[in-house]
Each structure stands twice: as C-alpha cells, then as structure tokens.
Amino acid sequence: MNWITVTPLILALSAAVFAAPATAVDASSQWKAYVCRVTDWPDCEQNRNNKRVYPDERLYPDKNTCLDSFGLLFENDPVISVKYPQTNDASSSYVFDCEAVR
C-alpha cells in the first residue's frame, strides 16, 4: 500500500491504535488480530455492537508480534487486503488491532 494516499483520518486512527496504552494481561494470553471499518472504530475499540471482524484465526504470542505479523497480512495478503481495504474513503476503509485471548 502506498502510505501517501492514506487520508489524515485513517492515518490518525492507525496511530491511535498503536499508541493505545497496554492493558494488563496475564502471561498465558495469546493475541488475535481483528479489523474494523474506520467509521465503526469507537464501537470496535470498546468491543461494542459486534463491530470486530476476525479475518484470520492465527494466534500470536504477544501484541507486538500480532501487530507486526498481521500488519503484513493486512497489507499484502490478496484475500485480506481486498476484503478489508485501506482507501481514501473512511466508510469503506479498515484498520486493525490485536486483542488478548485465552
């Protein structure tokens, strides 16, 4: 993806995802990636109204690995990147984050 084409709103939301404070998680937790439409981010971030979509069942050992590994899939995997695109239109663009699961 060409980062120059990303709108300021999408870029700001993406930065907010990575800057969010870490939550307390026990050492046995694994991490799973989810995507959300940019316009649904407030509900998605708080896990309200079933806005999270889990495009991949892989589990990761920690949040950083999840963000890095899924980030590559999010941008480069032909199925995921087509189904959950990043566009200049916030209503049809997606961002992602990772959550702890047991």
Protein backbone atom coordinates (compact mmCIF):
# COMPACT_ATOMS: atom_id res chain seq x y z
CA MET A 1 0.00 0.00 0.00
CA ASN A 2 1.17 3.48 -0.73
CA TRP A 3 1.08 5.40 2.55
CA ILE A 4 0.98 8.73 0.72
CA THR A 5 -2.60 8.01 -0.34
CA VAL A 6 -3.88 7.42 3.19
CA THR A 7 -6.16 10.18 4.39
CA PRO A 8 -5.30 12.06 7.58
CA LEU A 9 -8.29 10.47 9.38
CA ILE A 10 -7.17 6.94 8.62
CA LEU A 11 -3.58 7.77 9.50
CA ALA A 12 -4.68 9.34 12.80
CA LEU A 13 -6.80 6.32 13.71
CA SER A 14 -3.98 3.95 12.86
CA ALA A 15 -1.59 5.95 15.02
CA ALA A 16 -4.10 5.90 17.88
CA VAL A 17 -4.30 2.11 17.69
CA PHE A 18 -0.54 1.72 18.09
CA ALA A 19 -0.29 4.43 20.76
CA ALA A 20 -3.06 3.00 22.96
CA PRO A 21 -1.87 2.05 26.43
CA ALA A 22 -1.31 -1.64 27.04
CA THR A 23 -3.85 -3.42 29.20
CA ALA A 24 -2.98 -5.82 31.98
CA VAL A 25 -2.82 -9.31 30.51
CA ASP A 26 -1.57 -12.47 32.16
CA ALA A 27 1.40 -14.29 30.66
CA SER A 28 -0.73 -17.18 29.35
CA SER A 29 -2.66 -14.92 26.98
CA GLN A 30 -2.27 -15.14 23.27
CA TRP A 31 -3.20 -12.42 20.79
CA LYS A 32 -5.60 -12.38 17.88
CA ALA A 33 -5.98 -9.70 15.20
CA TYR A 34 -9.26 -8.04 14.29
CA VAL A 35 -10.28 -5.45 11.74
CA CYS A 36 -12.89 -2.72 11.86
CA ARG A 37 -14.33 -0.25 9.45
CA VAL A 38 -12.81 3.16 10.20
CA THR A 39 -16.25 4.67 10.80
CA ASP A 40 -17.02 1.95 13.38
CA TRP A 41 -13.75 2.37 15.28
CA PRO A 42 -15.21 3.87 18.53
CA ASP A 43 -17.54 0.86 18.96
CA CYS A 44 -14.95 -1.58 17.71
CA GLU A 45 -12.22 -0.33 20.04
CA GLN A 46 -14.55 -0.80 23.02
CA ASN A 47 -15.78 -4.15 21.63
CA ARG A 48 -19.39 -2.96 21.43
CA ASN A 49 -22.13 -3.88 18.96
CA ASN A 50 -20.21 -6.78 17.40
CA LYS A 51 -18.14 -4.49 15.18
CA ARG A 52 -14.95 -6.57 15.34
CA VAL A 53 -14.21 -8.88 12.41
CA TYR A 54 -11.64 -11.65 12.78
CA PRO A 55 -10.31 -12.36 9.28
CA ASP A 56 -7.62 -14.80 10.39
CA GLU A 57 -7.66 -17.48 13.11
CA ARG A 58 -3.92 -17.33 13.86
CA LEU A 59 -2.86 -16.66 17.44
CA TYR A 60 0.30 -14.78 18.33
CA PRO A 61 2.45 -14.95 21.49
CA ASP A 62 2.36 -11.20 22.23
CA LYS A 63 0.77 -7.98 21.00
CA ASN A 64 3.81 -6.69 19.11
CA THR A 65 4.16 -9.94 17.16
CA CYS A 66 0.45 -9.85 16.40
CA LEU A 67 0.60 -6.25 15.17
CA ASP A 68 3.70 -6.83 13.07
CA SER A 69 2.67 -10.18 11.58
CA PHE A 70 -0.95 -9.34 10.93
CA GLY A 71 0.06 -5.92 9.61
CA LEU A 72 1.97 -7.67 6.83
CA LEU A 73 -1.06 -9.83 6.04
CA PHE A 74 -3.38 -6.83 6.21
CA GLU A 75 -1.35 -5.04 3.56
CA ASN A 76 -0.11 -7.92 1.40
CA ASP A 77 -2.41 -10.94 1.59
CA PRO A 78 -4.58 -10.78 -1.54
CA VAL A 79 -7.71 -12.11 0.16
CA ILE A 80 -7.49 -9.97 3.30
CA SER A 81 -6.33 -6.77 1.59
CA VAL A 82 -9.16 -6.96 -0.96
CA LYS A 83 -11.84 -7.83 1.58
CA TYR A 84 -10.68 -5.20 4.13
CA PRO A 85 -9.13 -2.39 2.06
CA GLN A 86 -7.49 0.82 3.17
CA THR A 87 -8.90 3.55 0.94
CA ASN A 88 -9.32 7.30 0.94
CA ASP A 89 -12.98 6.80 1.89
CA ALA A 90 -13.38 6.23 5.63
CA SER A 91 -16.73 4.47 5.16
CA SER A 92 -15.10 1.73 3.08
CA SER A 93 -11.69 1.60 4.75
CA TYR A 94 -10.48 -0.67 7.55
CA VAL A 95 -7.93 -0.52 10.37
CA PHE A 96 -6.77 -3.32 12.64
CA ASP A 97 -5.60 -4.04 16.16
CA CYS A 98 -4.97 -7.11 18.33
CA GLU A 99 -6.67 -8.35 21.48
CA ALA A 100 -5.65 -10.78 24.18
CA VAL A 101 -7.45 -14.12 24.14
CA ARG A 102 -7.13 -17.20 26.35
